[in-house]
Amino acid sequence: MRRAAILVLAVACATLGACSRSLDATDPTDQEPTTVSLKIQNDGPSTAYVYRACVLDFTITSLANPSVPINRVEGCAVCECSQTSCPICGACYEAPEEIAAGGQLTESWLTVNVTTENRKIGSCQRLHALPAGSYRIELPVYRTQADAAAKVLPRVMTQVFTLPAPDDTVTIPIGVSQ
């Protein structure tokens, strides 16, 4: 259910322009975000696990500034700074996710960097579409469900890609060297 809510938000933002009012109009590099399908392919001989805490656990950085992670849309909804009140979300799904040998997991990612601003009550977010360029994803992959649950002993799979991504898809092979 939580995954569906995130997907609906990402698709609405990318295809309907629903998040465009959150884009910072003072930033000339802002553009409409897109939704990229991250296809995580287990091309190895055994089951692998990843961890989900509302969203899949991974880090994306721009190769132009690789020391600064890109803040992603997380949780059930974005509290846009243009809104006077924000939705209240329940608990997120948190657990390991299995990717069988030869299997694939597809995760939607909205190509924005999220910044948070304080307000009188709580905080709000602004979405800044990422510019064209080279990026890197780092995805922790675990051998066992127990390792994934404890978030210990990951192999960090790294994939470099460009935005805009061809066909809005980035493939990440994770079964190598298991």
C-alpha atoms as a PDB file:
ATOM      1  CA  MET A   1       0.000   0.000   0.000  1.00  0.00           C
ATOM      2  CA  ARG A   2       2.781   2.440   0.964  1.00  0.00           C
ATOM      3  CA  ARG A   3       4.705   1.588  -2.217  1.00  0.00           C
ATOM      4  CA  ALA A   4       1.577   2.342  -4.272  1.00  0.00           C
ATOM      5  CA  ALA A   5       1.185   5.751  -2.587  1.00  0.00           C
ATOM      6  CA  ILE A   6       4.784   6.675  -3.405  1.00  0.00           C
ATOM      7  CA  LEU A   7       4.352   5.512  -6.988  1.00  0.00           C
ATOM      8  CA  VAL A   8       1.148   7.546  -7.359  1.00  0.00           C
ATOM      9  CA  LEU A   9       2.934  10.637  -6.019  1.00  0.00           C
ATOM     10  CA  ALA A  10       5.895  10.146  -8.349  1.00  0.00           C
ATOM     11  CA  VAL A  11       3.702   9.550 -11.398  1.00  0.00           C
ATOM     12  CA  ALA A  12       1.472  12.519 -10.574  1.00  0.00           C
ATOM     13  CA  CYS A  13       4.461  14.786 -10.146  1.00  0.00           C
ATOM     14  CA  ALA A  14       6.143  13.670 -13.347  1.00  0.00           C
ATOM     15  CA  THR A  15       3.231  13.269 -15.719  1.00  0.00           C
ATOM     16  CA  LEU A  16       0.593  15.659 -14.451  1.00  0.00           C
ATOM     17  CA  GLY A  17       2.850  18.423 -13.209  1.00  0.00           C
ATOM     18  CA  ALA A  18       1.222  18.143  -9.789  1.00  0.00           C
ATOM     19  CA  CYS A  19       4.444  19.074  -8.031  1.00  0.00           C
ATOM     20  CA  SER A  20       5.414  21.904 -10.321  1.00  0.00           C
ATOM     21  CA  ARG A  21       4.194  24.526  -7.865  1.00  0.00           C
ATOM     22  CA  SER A  22       6.796  23.244  -5.403  1.00  0.00           C
ATOM     23  CA  LEU A  23       9.610  23.851  -7.839  1.00  0.00           C
ATOM     24  CA  ASP A  24      11.638  26.886  -6.870  1.00  0.00           C
ATOM     25  CA  ALA A  25      10.710  29.564  -9.430  1.00  0.00           C
ATOM     26  CA  THR A  26      13.798  31.584  -8.469  1.00  0.00           C
ATOM     27  CA  ASP A  27      16.120  28.766  -9.580  1.00  0.00           C
ATOM     28  CA  PRO A  28      16.643  28.929 -13.367  1.00  0.00           C
ATOM     29  CA  THR A  29      17.934  25.345 -13.444  1.00  0.00           C
ATOM     30  CA  ASP A  30      14.632  23.957 -12.137  1.00  0.00           C
ATOM     31  CA  GLN A  31      12.637  22.053 -14.710  1.00  0.00           C
ATOM     32  CA  GLU A  32       9.868  19.500 -14.611  1.00  0.00           C
ATOM     33  CA  PRO A  33      10.988  16.319 -12.826  1.00  0.00           C
ATOM     34  CA  THR A  34      10.674  12.926 -14.437  1.00  0.00           C
ATOM     35  CA  THR A  35      10.028   9.530 -12.934  1.00  0.00           C
ATOM     36  CA  VAL A  36      12.791   7.018 -13.569  1.00  0.00           C
ATOM     37  CA  SER A  37      12.250   3.274 -13.240  1.00  0.00           C
ATOM     38  CA  LEU A  38      15.164   1.738 -11.384  1.00  0.00           C
ATOM     39  CA  LYS A  39      15.265  -1.889 -12.530  1.00  0.00           C
ATOM     40  CA  ILE A  40      17.219  -3.834  -9.936  1.00  0.00           C
ATOM     41  CA  GLN A  41      18.137  -7.121 -11.598  1.00  0.00           C
ATOM     42  CA  ASN A  42      19.443 -10.078  -9.659  1.00  0.00           C
ATOM     43  CA  ASP A  43      21.558 -11.708 -12.339  1.00  0.00           C
ATOM     44  CA  GLY A  44      23.320 -13.892  -9.758  1.00  0.00           C
ATOM     45  CA  PRO A  45      22.825 -17.511  -8.724  1.00  0.00           C
ATOM     46  CA  SER A  46      21.170 -16.874  -5.333  1.00  0.00           C
ATOM     47  CA  THR A  47      18.519 -14.735  -3.664  1.00  0.00           C
ATOM     48  CA  ALA A  48      19.557 -11.232  -2.642  1.00  0.00           C
ATOM     49  CA  TYR A  49      17.912  -8.770  -0.271  1.00  0.00           C
ATOM     50  CA  VAL A  50      17.542  -5.010  -0.142  1.00  0.00           C
ATOM     51  CA  TYR A  51      16.061  -2.912   2.656  1.00  0.00           C
ATOM     52  CA  ARG A  52      12.964  -0.727   2.511  1.00  0.00           C
ATOM     53  CA  ALA A  53      12.137   1.960   5.070  1.00  0.00           C
ATOM     54  CA  CYS A  54       9.217   3.757   3.382  1.00  0.00           C
ATOM     55  CA  VAL A  55      11.390   3.869   0.262  1.00  0.00           C
ATOM     56  CA  LEU A  56      14.118   1.553  -0.921  1.00  0.00           C
ATOM     57  CA  ASP A  57      17.432   2.171   0.844  1.00  0.00           C
ATOM     58  CA  PHE A  58      19.870   3.690  -1.678  1.00  0.00           C
ATOM     59  CA  THR A  59      21.878   6.862  -2.154  1.00  0.00           C
ATOM     60  CA  ILE A  60      22.116   8.971  -5.293  1.00  0.00           C
ATOM     61  CA  THR A  61      24.765  11.610  -5.881  1.00  0.00           C
ATOM     62  CA  SER A  62      25.636  13.867  -8.778  1.00  0.00           C
ATOM     63  CA  LEU A  63      29.091  13.196 -10.191  1.00  0.00           C
ATOM     64  CA  ALA A  64      29.449  16.984 -10.363  1.00  0.00           C
ATOM     65  CA  ASN A  65      29.312  17.014  -6.527  1.00  0.00           C
ATOM     66  CA  PRO A  66      29.644  13.401  -5.319  1.00  0.00           C
ATOM     67  CA  SER A  67      30.081  14.250  -1.634  1.00  0.00           C
ATOM     68  CA  VAL A  68      26.530  15.609  -1.319  1.00  0.00           C
ATOM     69  CA  PRO A  69      23.696  13.026  -1.432  1.00  0.00           C
ATOM     70  CA  ILE A  70      20.490  13.950  -3.224  1.00  0.00           C
ATOM     71  CA  ASN A  71      17.538  14.133  -0.840  1.00  0.00           C
ATOM     72  CA  ARG A  72      14.663  12.026  -2.155  1.00  0.00           C
ATOM     73  CA  VAL A  73      10.903  12.153  -1.725  1.00  0.00           C
ATOM     74  CA  GLU A  74      10.234   9.837   1.207  1.00  0.00           C
ATOM     75  CA  GLY A  75       7.204   8.769   3.187  1.00  0.00           C
ATOM     76  CA  CYS A  76       3.581   8.985   2.213  1.00  0.00           C
ATOM     77  CA  ALA A  77       3.380  12.537   0.896  1.00  0.00           C
ATOM     78  CA  VAL A  78       5.307  15.726   0.325  1.00  0.00           C
ATOM     79  CA  CYS A  79       4.268  18.702   2.423  1.00  0.00           C
ATOM     80  CA  GLU A  80       4.711  21.375  -0.223  1.00  0.00           C
ATOM     81  CA  CYS A  81       5.644  24.841   1.050  1.00  0.00           C
ATOM     82  CA  SER A  82       2.711  26.322  -0.885  1.00  0.00           C
ATOM     83  CA  GLN A  83       0.263  24.282   1.245  1.00  0.00           C
ATOM     84  CA  THR A  84      -1.213  25.793   4.407  1.00  0.00           C
ATOM     85  CA  SER A  85      -1.641  22.390   6.052  1.00  0.00           C
ATOM     86  CA  CYS A  86      -0.029  19.041   5.422  1.00  0.00           C
ATOM     87  CA  PRO A  87      -1.261  15.463   5.431  1.00  0.00           C
ATOM     88  CA  ILE A  88      -0.546  13.291   8.437  1.00  0.00           C
ATOM     89  CA  CYS A  89       0.992   9.963   7.533  1.00  0.00           C
ATOM     90  CA  GLY A  90       0.915   6.669   9.339  1.00  0.00           C
ATOM     91  CA  ALA A  91       3.795   4.296   9.892  1.00  0.00           C
ATOM     92  CA  CYS A  92       5.866   3.191   6.923  1.00  0.00           C
ATOM     93  CA  TYR A  93       6.602  -0.367   5.866  1.00  0.00           C
ATOM     94  CA  GLU A  94      10.115  -1.256   7.072  1.00  0.00           C
ATOM     95  CA  ALA A  95      11.637  -4.625   6.240  1.00  0.00           C
ATOM     96  CA  PRO A  96      13.949  -6.518   3.912  1.00  0.00           C
ATOM     97  CA  GLU A  97      12.761  -7.202   0.378  1.00  0.00           C
ATOM     98  CA  GLU A  98      13.739 -10.364  -1.446  1.00  0.00           C
ATOM     99  CA  ILE A  99      14.932 -10.430  -5.035  1.00  0.00           C
ATOM    100  CA  ALA A 100      15.081 -14.021  -6.238  1.00  0.00           C
ATOM    101  CA  ALA A 101      17.907 -15.249  -8.460  1.00  0.00           C
ATOM    102  CA  GLY A 102      17.019 -14.187 -11.993  1.00  0.00           C
ATOM    103  CA  GLY A 103      14.373 -11.826 -10.605  1.00  0.00           C
ATOM    104  CA  GLN A 104      13.889  -8.090 -10.743  1.00  0.00           C
ATOM    105  CA  LEU A 105      12.565  -5.353  -8.478  1.00  0.00           C
ATOM    106  CA  THR A 106      11.408  -2.081 -10.037  1.00  0.00           C
ATOM    107  CA  GLU A 107      11.485   1.087  -7.959  1.00  0.00           C
ATOM    108  CA  SER A 108      10.198   4.464  -9.136  1.00  0.00           C
ATOM    109  CA  TRP A 109      12.381   7.478  -8.405  1.00  0.00           C
ATOM    110  CA  LEU A 110      11.316  11.086  -8.870  1.00  0.00           C
ATOM    111  CA  THR A 111      14.306  13.046 -10.222  1.00  0.00           C
ATOM    112  CA  VAL A 112      14.282  15.860  -7.686  1.00  0.00           C
ATOM    113  CA  ASN A 113      16.383  17.067  -4.787  1.00  0.00           C
ATOM    114  CA  VAL A 114      14.154  17.824  -1.798  1.00  0.00           C
ATOM    115  CA  THR A 115      14.959  20.726   0.494  1.00  0.00           C
ATOM    116  CA  THR A 116      13.190  21.295   3.807  1.00  0.00           C
ATOM    117  CA  GLU A 117      12.200  24.671   5.251  1.00  0.00           C
ATOM    118  CA  ASN A 118      11.003  25.437   8.773  1.00  0.00           C
ATOM    119  CA  ARG A 119       7.667  27.145   9.282  1.00  0.00           C
ATOM    120  CA  LYS A 120       5.805  28.300  12.402  1.00  0.00           C
ATOM    121  CA  ILE A 121       4.347  24.823  12.821  1.00  0.00           C
ATOM    122  CA  GLY A 122       6.494  22.019  11.437  1.00  0.00           C
ATOM    123  CA  SER A 123       8.338  22.123   8.158  1.00  0.00           C
ATOM    124  CA  CYS A 124       7.673  21.942   4.422  1.00  0.00           C
ATOM    125  CA  GLN A 125       9.519  20.718   1.341  1.00  0.00           C
ATOM    126  CA  ARG A 126      10.475  22.165  -2.005  1.00  0.00           C
ATOM    127  CA  LEU A 127      11.232  19.959  -4.980  1.00  0.00           C
ATOM    128  CA  HIS A 128      14.122  20.936  -7.258  1.00  0.00           C
ATOM    129  CA  ALA A 129      14.277  18.970 -10.508  1.00  0.00           C
ATOM    130  CA  LEU A 130      17.721  17.534 -11.151  1.00  0.00           C
ATOM    131  CA  PRO A 131      19.599  18.890 -14.158  1.00  0.00           C
ATOM    132  CA  ALA A 132      20.906  16.748 -16.986  1.00  0.00           C
ATOM    133  CA  GLY A 133      24.208  15.160 -16.109  1.00  0.00           C
ATOM    134  CA  SER A 134      25.963  12.137 -14.660  1.00  0.00           C
ATOM    135  CA  TYR A 135      24.787  10.542 -11.429  1.00  0.00           C
ATOM    136  CA  ARG A 136      25.676   7.528  -9.290  1.00  0.00           C
ATOM    137  CA  ILE A 137      23.416   5.231  -7.307  1.00  0.00           C
ATOM    138  CA  GLU A 138      24.776   3.190  -4.399  1.00  0.00           C
ATOM    139  CA  LEU A 139      22.516   0.319  -3.366  1.00  0.00           C
ATOM    140  CA  PRO A 140      23.257  -1.852  -0.304  1.00  0.00           C
ATOM    141  CA  VAL A 141      22.559  -5.517  -1.128  1.00  0.00           C
ATOM    142  CA  TYR A 142      22.504  -8.270   1.493  1.00  0.00           C
ATOM    143  CA  ARG A 143      23.063 -12.036   1.251  1.00  0.00           C
ATOM    144  CA  THR A 144      20.491 -12.989   3.882  1.00  0.00           C
ATOM    145  CA  GLN A 145      17.185 -11.673   5.133  1.00  0.00           C
ATOM    146  CA  ALA A 146      18.659 -11.433   8.653  1.00  0.00           C
ATOM    147  CA  ASP A 147      21.580  -9.310   7.403  1.00  0.00           C
ATOM    148  CA  ALA A 148      19.150  -7.025   5.587  1.00  0.00           C
ATOM    149  CA  ALA A 149      16.893  -6.717   8.648  1.00  0.00           C
ATOM    150  CA  ALA A 150      19.895  -5.753  10.787  1.00  0.00           C
ATOM    151  CA  LYS A 151      21.423  -3.717   7.929  1.00  0.00           C
ATOM    152  CA  VAL A 152      24.807  -5.411   8.390  1.00  0.00           C
ATOM    153  CA  LEU A 153      27.396  -6.753   5.944  1.00  0.00           C
ATOM    154  CA  PRO A 154      26.048  -5.179   2.750  1.00  0.00           C
ATOM    155  CA  ARG A 155      27.715  -5.259  -0.635  1.00  0.00           C
ATOM    156  CA  VAL A 156      27.239  -1.805  -2.050  1.00  0.00           C
ATOM    157  CA  MET A 157      26.394  -2.034  -5.734  1.00  0.00           C
ATOM    158  CA  THR A 158      27.268   1.104  -7.690  1.00  0.00           C
ATOM    159  CA  GLN A 159      25.856   2.174 -11.020  1.00  0.00           C
ATOM    160  CA  VAL A 160      26.676   5.370 -12.923  1.00  0.00           C
ATOM    161  CA  PHE A 161      23.936   6.748 -15.171  1.00  0.00           C
ATOM    162  CA  THR A 162      22.910   9.941 -16.915  1.00  0.00           C
ATOM    163  CA  LEU A 163      19.839  12.124 -16.743  1.00  0.00           C
ATOM    164  CA  PRO A 164      17.787  12.259 -18.747  1.00  0.00           C
ATOM    165  CA  ALA A 165      17.852   8.474 -18.642  1.00  0.00           C
ATOM    166  CA  PRO A 166      17.095   6.664 -21.910  1.00  0.00           C
ATOM    167  CA  ASP A 167      13.460   5.518 -21.783  1.00  0.00           C
ATOM    168  CA  ASP A 168      13.398   6.853 -18.173  1.00  0.00           C
ATOM    169  CA  THR A 169      15.005   3.566 -17.071  1.00  0.00           C
ATOM    170  CA  VAL A 170      18.198   2.741 -15.188  1.00  0.00           C
ATOM    171  CA  THR A 171      19.203  -0.928 -14.840  1.00  0.00           C
ATOM    172  CA  ILE A 172      21.200  -1.964 -11.770  1.00  0.00           C
ATOM    173  CA  PRO A 173      22.642  -5.507 -11.842  1.00  0.00           C
ATOM    174  CA  ILE A 174      23.118  -6.828  -8.298  1.00  0.00           C
ATOM    175  CA  GLY A 175      24.011 -10.506  -8.649  1.00  0.00           C
ATOM    176  CA  VAL A 176      27.645 -10.065  -9.642  1.00  0.00           C
ATOM    177  CA  SER A 177      30.210 -11.580  -7.209  1.00  0.00           C
ATOM    178  CA  GLN A 178      27.712 -13.053  -4.765  1.00  0.00           C
END
